[in-house]
């Protein structure tokens, strides 16, 4: 969300946006720039030469993503703290960095019309500065003179005087039109709906096609694609979960959080740096998407019958097969603690296994253990062992594009096929490690049928001792609403534009007795 502003004539980050909500035109595009554009009348030598801290943070994030293949959500908080931004300026920097990353495809298409050379021939730092400037001019409530002056000042300070002149000239061309006018020019004469959507909603064409296919595969209308793409571009609210029996949301509520309406012990937090909450630092309250919370709770709650001779359920053994970095593992361990179960969290990479241990520290140590090893070999060490297994398989992450804005530009169509083999091997290992009568929850943060229903179907086809349980009903039982309408042919799919969660897929596979 763009920070609000009470003094628009000021160029500081805390005074960049006009009061009021963003308006949308009949096409659903934001009309957030003023009708009349004004520019600085200062001579070049009188203009800003210093880097505004909030814009500098956004620039550092884009450079780390471009140059170091970094993750924006990891770089941004560190940069905000390094530059000592207050809450308002941190919000501005967050919107600027994430917005520029989400809109990169559209902004690059616009910039290509304004630069006298191919964009790939520009210095990457110059291109990142141009993206930052374009986002301010076209999608934020920043006066044109402030966007130009401050972006050029940033360039002067961190790139150089020569490039700053180019940036100034290009951004003036960008500012000559509003976003709708640019989109009309870019899509004029284009009849392919996928190509139009890719430009208008800043997604690679192959992802637009994949999401259209995903909607149909999971029983939804392809006409929902526009809403889905728009949801990918909306800034998500931070989701919190208080670990059951261990954590509390009281501190978060006092700081402005509101209770989540989808899942128990959850809250929505938009009051700034969540790391300032003591309960978050202690690990008893965690940042976790509501969709991730739901699939973990659904697996933990599904009825698998009596597991011991006396009819009790104490002593169940659970496995999180792909546990890193530990978010779902922490929730599962807390639920296991309440139910008298034991959780083994498996992670192949040693550095991620360390993160899993850190995530689990808030849960009593006798409830969990961590194994560092290849999940595909788990059944060799633990055949027919576990009552419940979560397979949160590595995937393309197409269901979390709103939270990971850079990932849409990193992923390639070939990633789907390459990950598919690993997904099938992990699910096969899980059904070999689960006890007869036990249940495997196969989860991906992607709705792509090649990563979801096709993987499940292939594993079921090779075995006659497996059956699908109703995952949609399990999600309903785990939710507060009880009517998510996420099920289709016994599997379940959550959606950003329907449920305001990441697009989590869930299949529950029972091994017959």
Protein backbone atom coordinates (compact mmCIF):
# COMPACT_ATOMS: atom_id res chain seq x y z
CA UNK A 1 0.00 0.00 0.00
CA UNK A 2 1.32 3.43 -0.87
CA UNK A 3 1.86 5.56 2.23
CA UNK A 4 -0.50 8.49 2.66
CA UNK A 5 0.82 12.03 2.69
CA UNK A 6 -0.28 15.25 4.27
CA UNK A 7 2.23 17.59 2.61
CA UNK A 8 2.51 16.71 -1.09
CA UNK A 9 4.63 19.73 -1.89
CA UNK A 10 7.46 18.19 0.14
CA UNK A 11 9.87 15.81 -1.59
CA UNK A 12 10.63 13.71 1.47
CA UNK A 13 9.40 10.08 1.48
CA UNK A 14 6.89 10.88 4.21
CA UNK A 15 5.26 13.48 1.95
CA UNK A 16 5.00 11.80 -1.39
CA UNK A 17 1.43 10.63 -1.74
CA UNK A 18 -1.92 12.38 -1.82
CA UNK A 19 -4.66 11.57 0.70
CA UNK A 20 -7.36 9.08 -0.19
CA UNK A 21 -7.66 5.67 -1.72
CA UNK A 22 -6.37 4.76 -5.16
CA UNK A 23 -9.06 5.01 -7.81
CA UNK A 24 -9.45 2.50 -10.61
CA UNK A 25 -10.89 3.09 -14.03
CA UNK A 26 -13.31 0.82 -15.84
CA UNK A 27 -10.44 -1.50 -16.86
CA UNK A 28 -9.36 -1.97 -13.26
CA UNK A 29 -6.12 -0.01 -13.67
CA UNK A 30 -5.03 2.41 -11.00
CA UNK A 31 -5.42 6.09 -11.92
CA UNK A 32 -3.18 7.45 -9.22
CA UNK A 33 -1.20 10.19 -10.94
CA UNK A 34 -2.46 13.76 -11.03
CA UNK A 35 -4.19 15.03 -14.16
CA UNK A 36 -1.68 17.84 -14.59
CA UNK A 37 2.01 17.01 -14.36
CA UNK A 38 4.46 19.53 -12.97
CA UNK A 39 8.22 19.39 -13.19
CA UNK A 40 11.05 21.02 -11.34
CA UNK A 41 12.23 24.32 -12.84
CA UNK A 42 15.59 24.10 -11.21
CA UNK A 43 18.67 24.09 -13.36
CA UNK A 44 20.54 20.78 -13.42
CA UNK A 45 23.23 22.09 -11.16
CA UNK A 46 20.64 23.05 -8.52
CA UNK A 47 18.84 19.72 -8.39
CA UNK A 48 19.08 17.09 -5.71
CA UNK A 49 22.42 15.33 -5.59
CA UNK A 50 21.83 13.24 -2.48
CA UNK A 51 20.20 9.81 -2.36
CA UNK A 52 16.91 9.87 -0.50
CA UNK A 53 17.14 7.03 2.06
CA UNK A 54 13.81 5.38 1.20
CA UNK A 55 14.55 5.37 -2.53
CA UNK A 56 18.08 4.20 -1.80
CA UNK A 57 16.68 1.20 0.08
CA UNK A 58 14.45 0.30 -2.89
CA UNK A 59 17.40 0.70 -5.25
CA UNK A 60 19.59 -1.55 -3.08
CA UNK A 61 16.89 -4.22 -3.11
CA UNK A 62 16.60 -4.15 -6.91
CA UNK A 63 20.37 -4.26 -7.31
CA UNK A 64 20.69 -7.24 -4.96
CA UNK A 65 17.94 -9.07 -6.84
CA UNK A 66 19.48 -8.29 -10.25
CA UNK A 67 23.15 -8.67 -9.41
CA UNK A 68 23.25 -11.24 -6.62
CA UNK A 69 20.13 -13.29 -7.38
CA UNK A 70 18.94 -12.33 -3.89
CA UNK A 71 15.42 -12.61 -2.49
CA UNK A 72 13.74 -9.25 -2.01
CA UNK A 73 11.96 -10.30 1.19
CA UNK A 74 15.34 -11.10 2.80
CA UNK A 75 17.23 -8.03 1.56
CA UNK A 76 14.55 -5.42 2.25
CA UNK A 77 14.30 -5.66 6.07
CA UNK A 78 18.09 -5.53 6.44
CA UNK A 79 18.35 -2.48 4.20
CA UNK A 80 15.52 -0.71 6.05
CA UNK A 81 17.29 -1.25 9.36
CA UNK A 82 20.67 -0.23 7.93
CA UNK A 83 19.28 3.12 6.83
CA UNK A 84 17.19 3.60 9.99
CA UNK A 85 13.93 4.26 8.16
CA UNK A 86 10.89 5.12 10.23
CA UNK A 87 7.58 3.33 9.73
CA UNK A 88 6.28 5.68 7.02
CA UNK A 89 9.48 5.71 4.98
CA UNK A 90 9.84 1.93 5.37
CA UNK A 91 6.36 1.58 3.91
CA UNK A 92 7.31 3.82 1.00
CA UNK A 93 10.50 1.84 0.35
CA UNK A 94 8.59 -1.44 0.50
CA UNK A 95 5.96 -0.32 -1.99
CA UNK A 96 8.62 1.12 -4.29
CA UNK A 97 10.85 -1.97 -4.26
CA UNK A 98 8.10 -4.58 -4.51
CA UNK A 99 6.05 -2.53 -6.94
CA UNK A 100 8.99 -2.01 -9.28
CA UNK A 101 9.75 -5.75 -9.19
CA UNK A 102 6.14 -6.79 -9.81
CA UNK A 103 5.71 -4.28 -12.62
CA UNK A 104 9.07 -4.96 -14.24
CA UNK A 105 7.63 -6.52 -17.39
CA UNK A 106 5.27 -3.63 -18.08
CA UNK A 107 7.79 -0.97 -17.12
CA UNK A 108 10.49 -2.50 -19.32
CA UNK A 109 8.09 -2.49 -22.26
CA UNK A 110 7.41 1.21 -21.64
CA UNK A 111 11.07 2.04 -21.12
CA UNK A 112 11.95 0.31 -24.37
CA UNK A 113 9.80 2.93 -26.12
CA UNK A 114 11.71 5.74 -24.40
CA UNK A 115 15.33 4.60 -24.71
CA UNK A 116 17.34 4.87 -27.93
CA UNK A 117 18.99 1.47 -27.51
CA UNK A 118 17.98 -2.05 -26.44
CA UNK A 119 17.46 -2.26 -22.69
CA UNK A 120 19.98 -5.08 -22.40
CA UNK A 121 22.66 -2.60 -23.48
CA UNK A 122 21.95 -0.31 -20.54
CA UNK A 123 24.02 -0.54 -17.41
CA UNK A 124 21.95 -2.81 -15.08
CA UNK A 125 22.11 -0.18 -12.31
CA UNK A 126 20.71 2.45 -14.69
CA UNK A 127 17.88 0.10 -15.68
CA UNK A 128 17.00 -0.52 -12.03
CA UNK A 129 16.90 3.22 -11.38
CA UNK A 130 14.62 3.68 -14.38
CA UNK A 131 12.27 0.99 -13.08
CA UNK A 132 12.11 2.75 -9.72
CA UNK A 133 11.34 6.04 -11.44
CA UNK A 134 8.72 4.48 -13.71
CA UNK A 135 6.87 2.93 -10.79
CA UNK A 136 6.71 6.26 -8.96
CA UNK A 137 5.46 8.07 -12.06
CA UNK A 138 2.90 5.51 -13.19
CA UNK A 139 1.64 3.68 -10.11
CA UNK A 140 2.30 5.71 -6.96
CA UNK A 141 0.87 8.96 -5.64
CA UNK A 142 4.16 10.76 -6.07
CA UNK A 143 4.19 14.19 -7.75
CA UNK A 144 6.05 14.03 -11.06
CA UNK A 145 8.62 16.64 -10.04
CA UNK A 146 9.44 14.67 -6.87
CA UNK A 147 9.73 11.37 -8.72
CA UNK A 148 12.05 12.89 -11.32
CA UNK A 149 14.14 15.02 -8.99
CA UNK A 150 14.63 12.34 -6.35
CA UNK A 151 15.32 9.51 -8.81
CA UNK A 152 17.88 11.64 -10.66
CA UNK A 153 19.41 12.61 -7.31
CA UNK A 154 19.66 8.95 -6.40
CA UNK A 155 21.39 8.24 -9.71
CA UNK A 156 23.83 11.12 -9.22
CA UNK A 157 24.74 9.85 -5.77
CA UNK A 158 25.16 6.14 -6.47
CA UNK A 159 25.71 5.77 -10.23
CA UNK A 160 27.17 9.01 -11.54
CA UNK A 161 26.41 12.34 -13.19
CA UNK A 162 26.53 11.00 -16.75
CA UNK A 163 23.93 8.25 -16.27
CA UNK A 164 21.72 10.63 -14.28
CA UNK A 165 21.27 12.80 -17.38
CA UNK A 166 20.07 9.77 -19.34
CA UNK A 167 17.71 8.78 -16.54
CA UNK A 168 16.28 12.28 -16.41
CA UNK A 169 15.62 12.34 -20.16
CA UNK A 170 14.04 8.88 -20.25
CA UNK A 171 11.79 9.44 -17.24
CA UNK A 172 10.50 12.69 -18.72
CA UNK A 173 9.33 10.66 -21.72
CA UNK A 174 7.73 8.11 -19.40
CA UNK A 175 5.94 10.89 -17.52
CA UNK A 176 4.38 12.25 -20.71
CA UNK A 177 1.60 9.65 -20.45
CA UNK A 178 -0.28 7.88 -17.71
CA UNK A 179 -0.25 4.10 -17.31
CA UNK A 180 -3.50 3.51 -19.18
CA UNK A 181 -2.26 5.47 -22.18
CA UNK A 182 0.96 3.49 -22.24
CA UNK A 183 -0.94 0.20 -22.02
CA UNK A 184 -3.20 1.23 -24.87
CA UNK A 185 -0.16 1.90 -27.04
CA UNK A 186 1.62 -1.31 -26.04
CA UNK A 187 -1.42 -3.52 -26.72
CA UNK A 188 -2.80 -1.73 -29.76
CA UNK A 189 -3.61 -4.31 -32.43
CA UNK A 190 -2.79 -7.27 -30.16
CA UNK A 191 -5.55 -9.88 -30.41
CA UNK A 192 -3.92 -12.67 -28.40
CA UNK A 193 -5.51 -12.44 -24.90
CA UNK A 194 -2.48 -14.09 -23.29
CA UNK A 195 -0.06 -11.56 -24.75
CA UNK A 196 -2.32 -8.67 -23.81
CA UNK A 197 -2.66 -9.95 -20.25
CA UNK A 198 1.11 -10.42 -19.96
CA UNK A 199 1.68 -6.74 -20.80
CA UNK A 200 -1.24 -5.32 -18.84
CA UNK A 201 -0.55 -7.35 -15.68
CA UNK A 202 3.23 -7.70 -15.89
CA UNK A 203 3.56 -11.50 -16.04
CA UNK A 204 5.65 -13.56 -18.45
CA UNK A 205 3.45 -15.02 -21.19
CA UNK A 206 4.23 -18.60 -20.21
CA UNK A 207 3.03 -17.95 -16.65
CA UNK A 208 -0.23 -16.41 -17.92
CA UNK A 209 -0.80 -19.55 -20.01
CA UNK A 210 0.08 -21.79 -17.06
CA UNK A 211 -2.33 -19.99 -14.74
CA UNK A 212 -5.14 -20.12 -17.31
CA UNK A 213 -4.56 -23.87 -17.61
CA UNK A 214 -4.41 -24.18 -13.80
CA UNK A 215 -7.78 -22.53 -13.29
CA UNK A 216 -9.45 -24.97 -15.66
CA UNK A 217 -7.61 -27.99 -14.26
CA UNK A 218 -8.90 -27.19 -10.76
CA UNK A 219 -12.49 -26.67 -11.82
CA UNK A 220 -12.59 -22.89 -12.12
CA UNK A 221 -13.43 -20.61 -15.04
CA UNK A 222 -10.66 -19.33 -17.27
CA UNK A 223 -12.44 -15.96 -17.08
CA UNK A 224 -11.00 -15.59 -13.59
CA UNK A 225 -7.52 -15.07 -15.03
CA UNK A 226 -7.74 -11.26 -14.85
CA UNK A 227 -8.70 -11.35 -11.17
CA UNK A 228 -5.93 -13.85 -10.47
CA UNK A 229 -3.26 -11.76 -12.22
CA UNK A 230 -4.45 -8.63 -10.42
CA UNK A 231 -4.27 -10.48 -7.09
CA UNK A 232 -0.66 -11.42 -7.88
CA UNK A 233 0.09 -7.70 -8.15
CA UNK A 234 -1.64 -6.67 -4.93
CA UNK A 235 0.61 -6.09 -1.93
CA UNK A 236 -0.22 -8.89 0.54
CA UNK A 237 -0.86 -8.27 4.22
CA UNK A 238 1.50 -10.02 6.61
CA UNK A 239 -0.13 -13.19 8.01
CA UNK A 240 0.73 -14.28 11.54
CA UNK A 241 0.12 -17.52 13.40
CA UNK A 242 0.38 -18.08 17.14
CA UNK A 243 1.71 -21.60 17.68
CA UNK A 244 -1.18 -23.58 19.26
CA UNK A 245 -0.74 -24.01 22.99
CA UNK A 246 2.49 -22.00 22.97
CA UNK A 247 1.95 -18.57 21.45
CA UNK A 248 -0.41 -15.63 21.79
CA UNK A 249 -1.61 -12.91 19.43
CA UNK A 250 -2.22 -10.41 22.24
CA UNK A 251 0.96 -8.42 21.55
CA UNK A 252 0.22 -8.33 17.83
CA UNK A 253 -3.36 -7.18 18.50
CA UNK A 254 -2.09 -4.39 20.73
CA UNK A 255 0.15 -3.31 17.84
CA UNK A 256 -2.81 -3.15 15.46
CA UNK A 257 -3.19 -6.69 14.11
CA UNK A 258 -6.69 -8.00 13.45
CA UNK A 259 -7.75 -11.61 13.83
CA UNK A 260 -7.73 -13.68 10.66
CA UNK A 261 -11.10 -14.85 9.37
CA UNK A 262 -9.86 -18.00 7.65
CA UNK A 263 -7.93 -20.03 10.22
CA UNK A 264 -7.68 -20.20 14.02
CA UNK A 265 -4.80 -18.53 15.89
CA UNK A 266 -4.07 -16.29 12.89
CA UNK A 267 -3.91 -12.52 12.44
CA UNK A 268 -3.34 -9.94 9.73
CA UNK A 269 -0.60 -7.42 10.50
CA UNK A 270 0.06 -4.17 8.67
CA UNK A 271 1.69 -2.09 11.39
CA UNK A 272 5.26 -2.09 10.12
CA UNK A 273 8.26 -4.28 10.92
CA UNK A 274 6.88 -7.48 12.39
CA UNK A 275 10.34 -8.28 13.73
CA UNK A 276 9.78 -5.67 16.43
CA UNK A 277 7.24 -7.94 18.15
CA UNK A 278 8.78 -9.83 21.04
CA UNK A 279 6.51 -12.84 20.40
CA UNK A 280 7.83 -13.05 16.83
CA UNK A 281 11.43 -12.79 18.00
CA UNK A 282 10.71 -15.56 20.51
CA UNK A 283 9.28 -17.77 17.76
CA UNK A 284 5.96 -18.46 19.46
CA UNK A 285 4.24 -16.21 16.92
CA UNK A 286 5.36 -16.65 13.33
CA UNK A 287 4.91 -15.09 9.92
CA UNK A 288 3.09 -17.67 7.79
CA UNK A 289 0.57 -17.41 4.99
CA UNK A 290 -2.93 -18.50 5.97
CA UNK A 291 -2.93 -21.05 3.15
CA UNK A 292 0.17 -22.71 4.57
CA UNK A 293 -1.45 -22.77 7.99
CA UNK A 294 -4.57 -24.41 6.56
CA UNK A 295 -2.84 -27.26 4.75
CA UNK A 296 -0.76 -28.11 7.83
CA UNK A 297 -3.83 -28.09 10.07
CA UNK A 298 -5.81 -30.17 7.58
CA UNK A 299 -3.18 -32.91 7.60
CA UNK A 300 -2.90 -32.85 11.39
CA UNK A 301 -6.68 -33.11 11.86
CA UNK A 302 -7.69 -35.65 9.21
CA UNK A 303 -9.26 -38.75 10.76
CA UNK A 304 -7.06 -41.81 10.29
CA UNK A 305 -8.76 -44.00 12.87
CA UNK A 306 -7.42 -45.54 16.07
CA UNK A 307 -3.65 -45.86 15.95
CA UNK A 308 -2.98 -47.89 19.12
CA UNK A 309 -4.35 -51.07 20.61
CA UNK A 310 -6.17 -49.27 23.44
CA UNK A 311 -7.93 -46.91 21.03
CA UNK A 312 -5.92 -43.81 21.96
CA UNK A 313 -4.04 -41.65 19.49
CA UNK A 314 -1.03 -40.85 21.63
CA UNK A 315 2.27 -41.85 20.17
CA UNK A 316 1.65 -40.96 16.53
CA UNK A 317 4.79 -40.31 14.52
CA UNK A 318 4.71 -37.47 12.03
CA UNK A 319 7.18 -36.48 9.31
CA UNK A 320 7.76 -33.19 7.54
CA UNK A 321 9.72 -34.51 4.57
CA UNK A 322 10.81 -31.15 3.06
CA UNK A 323 10.96 -29.03 6.19
CA UNK A 324 13.21 -26.07 5.33
CA UNK A 325 13.12 -23.30 6.34
CA UNK A 326 10.76 -24.53 9.07
CA UNK A 327 7.50 -22.58 8.99
CA UNK A 328 5.12 -25.50 8.53
CA UNK A 329 7.37 -27.70 10.69
CA UNK A 330 6.95 -25.31 13.64
CA UNK A 331 3.17 -25.34 13.30
CA UNK A 332 3.09 -29.13 12.91
CA UNK A 333 5.35 -29.57 15.93
CA UNK A 334 3.06 -27.38 18.05
CA UNK A 335 0.04 -29.39 16.90
CA UNK A 336 1.95 -32.62 17.58
CA UNK A 337 2.71 -31.36 21.08
CA UNK A 338 -1.03 -30.90 21.70
CA UNK A 339 -1.90 -34.33 20.30
CA UNK A 340 0.83 -36.36 21.97
CA UNK A 341 2.64 -37.01 18.69
CA UNK A 342 6.31 -36.80 17.70
CA UNK A 343 7.56 -34.90 14.63
CA UNK A 344 10.64 -35.65 12.56
CA UNK A 345 11.61 -32.75 10.31
CA UNK A 346 13.76 -33.69 7.34
CA UNK A 347 15.83 -31.23 5.30
CA UNK A 348 18.59 -32.16 2.81
CA UNK A 349 20.62 -28.93 3.01
CA UNK A 350 22.63 -28.45 6.20
CA UNK A 351 22.22 -24.66 6.33
CA UNK A 352 18.44 -24.99 5.91
CA UNK A 353 18.32 -27.76 8.51
CA UNK A 354 19.85 -25.22 10.90
CA UNK A 355 16.99 -22.84 10.10
CA UNK A 356 14.51 -25.65 10.82
CA UNK A 357 16.06 -26.22 14.25
CA UNK A 358 15.84 -22.52 15.00
CA UNK A 359 12.17 -22.48 13.94
CA UNK A 360 11.42 -25.44 16.22
CA UNK A 361 13.15 -24.04 19.31
CA UNK A 362 9.88 -22.57 20.62
CA UNK A 363 8.37 -26.07 20.82
CA UNK A 364 9.38 -28.47 23.63
CA UNK A 365 12.45 -30.39 22.48
CA UNK A 366 11.07 -33.85 23.33
CA UNK A 367 8.39 -33.39 20.64
CA UNK A 368 10.65 -33.04 17.61
CA UNK A 369 13.90 -34.00 15.95
CA UNK A 370 15.65 -32.88 12.76
CA UNK A 371 17.19 -35.17 10.15
CA UNK A 372 19.61 -33.82 7.57
CA UNK A 373 19.36 -36.00 4.49
CA UNK A 374 17.82 -36.59 1.10
CA UNK A 375 14.09 -37.05 1.51
CA UNK A 376 14.03 -39.51 -1.37
CA UNK A 377 15.89 -42.04 0.82
CA UNK A 378 13.68 -41.64 3.88
CA UNK A 379 11.88 -44.97 3.42
CA UNK A 380 15.16 -46.86 3.47
CA UNK A 381 15.72 -45.72 7.05
CA UNK A 382 12.07 -45.47 8.11
CA UNK A 383 9.93 -47.95 6.15
CA UNK A 384 6.22 -48.10 7.11
CA UNK A 385 6.92 -45.79 10.07
CA UNK A 386 4.86 -42.59 10.07
CA UNK A 387 1.20 -41.93 10.71
CA UNK A 388 1.15 -38.56 8.94
CA UNK A 389 3.64 -37.18 6.42
CA UNK A 390 3.75 -33.70 4.94
CA UNK A 391 5.43 -33.47 1.52
CA UNK A 392 5.74 -29.73 0.93
CA UNK A 393 7.51 -30.37 -2.34
CA UNK A 394 9.97 -28.00 -4.04
CA UNK A 395 8.02 -26.29 -6.83
CA UNK A 396 8.00 -23.27 -9.12
CA UNK A 397 6.23 -21.13 -6.52
CA UNK A 398 3.72 -19.82 -9.06
CA UNK A 399 1.20 -19.61 -6.25
CA UNK A 400 3.23 -17.07 -4.25
CA UNK A 401 4.07 -14.48 -6.90
CA UNK A 402 2.50 -11.71 -4.81
CA UNK A 403 4.88 -12.43 -1.91
CA UNK A 404 7.95 -13.14 -4.06
CA UNK A 405 7.73 -10.46 -6.76
CA UNK A 406 11.05 -11.29 -8.38
CA UNK A 407 10.29 -14.99 -8.88
CA UNK A 408 8.05 -14.46 -11.91
CA UNK A 409 11.08 -13.17 -13.84
CA UNK A 410 13.43 -15.92 -12.65
CA UNK A 411 11.36 -18.98 -13.36
CA UNK A 412 11.45 -20.65 -16.78
CA UNK A 413 8.99 -23.06 -18.42
CA UNK A 414 11.63 -25.79 -18.23
CA UNK A 415 11.60 -25.55 -14.41
CA UNK A 416 8.20 -27.24 -14.33
CA UNK A 417 9.45 -30.40 -15.98
CA UNK A 418 12.72 -30.47 -14.08
CA UNK A 419 10.96 -30.21 -10.73
CA UNK A 420 8.33 -32.76 -11.70
CA UNK A 421 10.74 -35.70 -11.46
CA UNK A 422 11.82 -34.65 -7.96
CA UNK A 423 8.22 -34.17 -6.84
CA UNK A 424 7.28 -37.69 -7.94
CA UNK A 425 10.31 -39.21 -6.24
CA UNK A 426 9.56 -37.43 -2.95
CA UNK A 427 5.90 -38.43 -2.99
CA UNK A 428 6.85 -42.04 -3.78
CA UNK A 429 9.29 -42.04 -0.87
CA UNK A 430 6.58 -40.68 1.43
CA UNK A 431 4.01 -43.36 0.59
CA UNK A 432 6.70 -45.97 1.24
CA UNK A 433 7.47 -44.42 4.64
CA UNK A 434 3.86 -44.03 5.82
CA UNK A 435 2.19 -46.79 7.81
CA UNK A 436 -0.74 -48.72 6.37
CA UNK A 437 -3.73 -46.59 7.38
CA UNK A 438 -1.60 -43.45 7.55
CA UNK A 439 -1.95 -40.34 5.40
CA UNK A 440 0.43 -38.36 3.22
CA UNK A 441 -0.33 -34.69 2.54
CA UNK A 442 1.15 -33.61 -0.80
CA UNK A 443 1.44 -29.82 -0.92
CA UNK A 444 2.80 -27.32 -3.43
CA UNK A 445 2.73 -23.55 -3.54
CA UNK A 446 1.79 -23.78 -7.19
CA UNK A 447 -1.50 -24.46 -8.95
CA UNK A 448 0.19 -25.75 -12.12
CA UNK A 449 -1.39 -29.12 -12.98
CA UNK A 450 2.03 -30.52 -13.93
CA UNK A 451 3.11 -29.96 -10.32
CA UNK A 452 -0.16 -30.88 -8.64
CA UNK A 453 -2.78 -33.26 -10.02
CA UNK A 454 -0.46 -34.86 -12.58
CA UNK A 455 2.11 -35.77 -9.92
CA UNK A 456 -0.55 -37.29 -7.67
CA UNK A 457 -2.16 -39.19 -10.54
CA UNK A 458 1.18 -40.66 -11.67
CA UNK A 459 2.02 -41.95 -8.18
CA UNK A 460 -1.47 -43.37 -7.63
CA UNK A 461 -1.36 -45.09 -11.02
CA UNK A 462 1.67 -47.14 -9.97
CA UNK A 463 0.22 -48.36 -6.67
CA UNK A 464 -2.97 -50.25 -5.79
CA UNK A 465 -2.66 -49.63 -2.06
CA UNK A 466 -3.30 -45.87 -2.18
CA UNK A 467 -6.50 -43.83 -2.18
CA UNK A 468 -7.37 -40.14 -2.23
CA UNK A 469 -9.21 -38.63 0.71
CA UNK A 470 -11.38 -35.52 0.30
CA UNK A 471 -8.86 -32.71 0.70
CA UNK A 472 -11.49 -30.02 0.15
CA UNK A 473 -13.53 -31.33 3.06
CA UNK A 474 -10.38 -31.51 5.20
CA UNK A 475 -9.59 -27.86 4.46
CA UNK A 476 -13.16 -26.88 5.30
CA UNK A 477 -12.89 -28.67 8.64
CA UNK A 478 -9.61 -26.92 9.40
CA UNK A 479 -10.93 -23.46 8.48
CA UNK A 480 -13.07 -21.03 10.44
CA UNK A 481 -15.48 -20.53 7.54
CA UNK A 482 -16.17 -24.20 6.83
CA UNK A 483 -17.02 -23.44 3.22
CA UNK A 484 -13.91 -22.61 1.20
CA UNK A 485 -15.14 -24.19 -2.04
CA UNK A 486 -11.54 -25.21 -2.74
CA UNK A 487 -12.14 -28.88 -3.52
CA UNK A 488 -12.20 -30.46 -6.97
CA UNK A 489 -12.16 -34.20 -7.63
CA UNK A 490 -10.93 -34.90 -4.07
CA UNK A 491 -7.92 -32.55 -4.28
CA UNK A 492 -8.03 -28.92 -3.13
CA UNK A 493 -6.65 -25.66 -4.47
CA UNK A 494 -6.58 -22.29 -2.71
CA UNK A 495 -6.35 -19.05 -4.71
CA UNK A 496 -5.13 -15.49 -4.03
CA UNK A 497 -8.13 -13.90 -5.76
CA UNK A 498 -10.67 -16.12 -3.96
CA UNK A 499 -9.23 -16.91 -0.54
CA UNK A 500 -6.61 -14.14 -0.18
CA UNK A 501 -3.97 -16.80 0.42
CA UNK A 502 -1.10 -18.13 -1.62
CA UNK A 503 -2.25 -20.65 -4.22
CA UNK A 504 -1.65 -23.75 -2.08
CA UNK A 505 -2.50 -27.19 -3.46
CA UNK A 506 -3.36 -30.13 -1.18
CA UNK A 507 -3.88 -33.81 -1.87
CA UNK A 508 -4.42 -36.27 1.00
CA UNK A 509 -3.32 -39.81 0.13
CA UNK A 510 -4.15 -42.69 2.43
CA UNK A 511 -2.22 -45.93 2.35
CA UNK A 512 -4.73 -48.73 2.60
CA UNK A 513 -4.49 -51.22 5.47
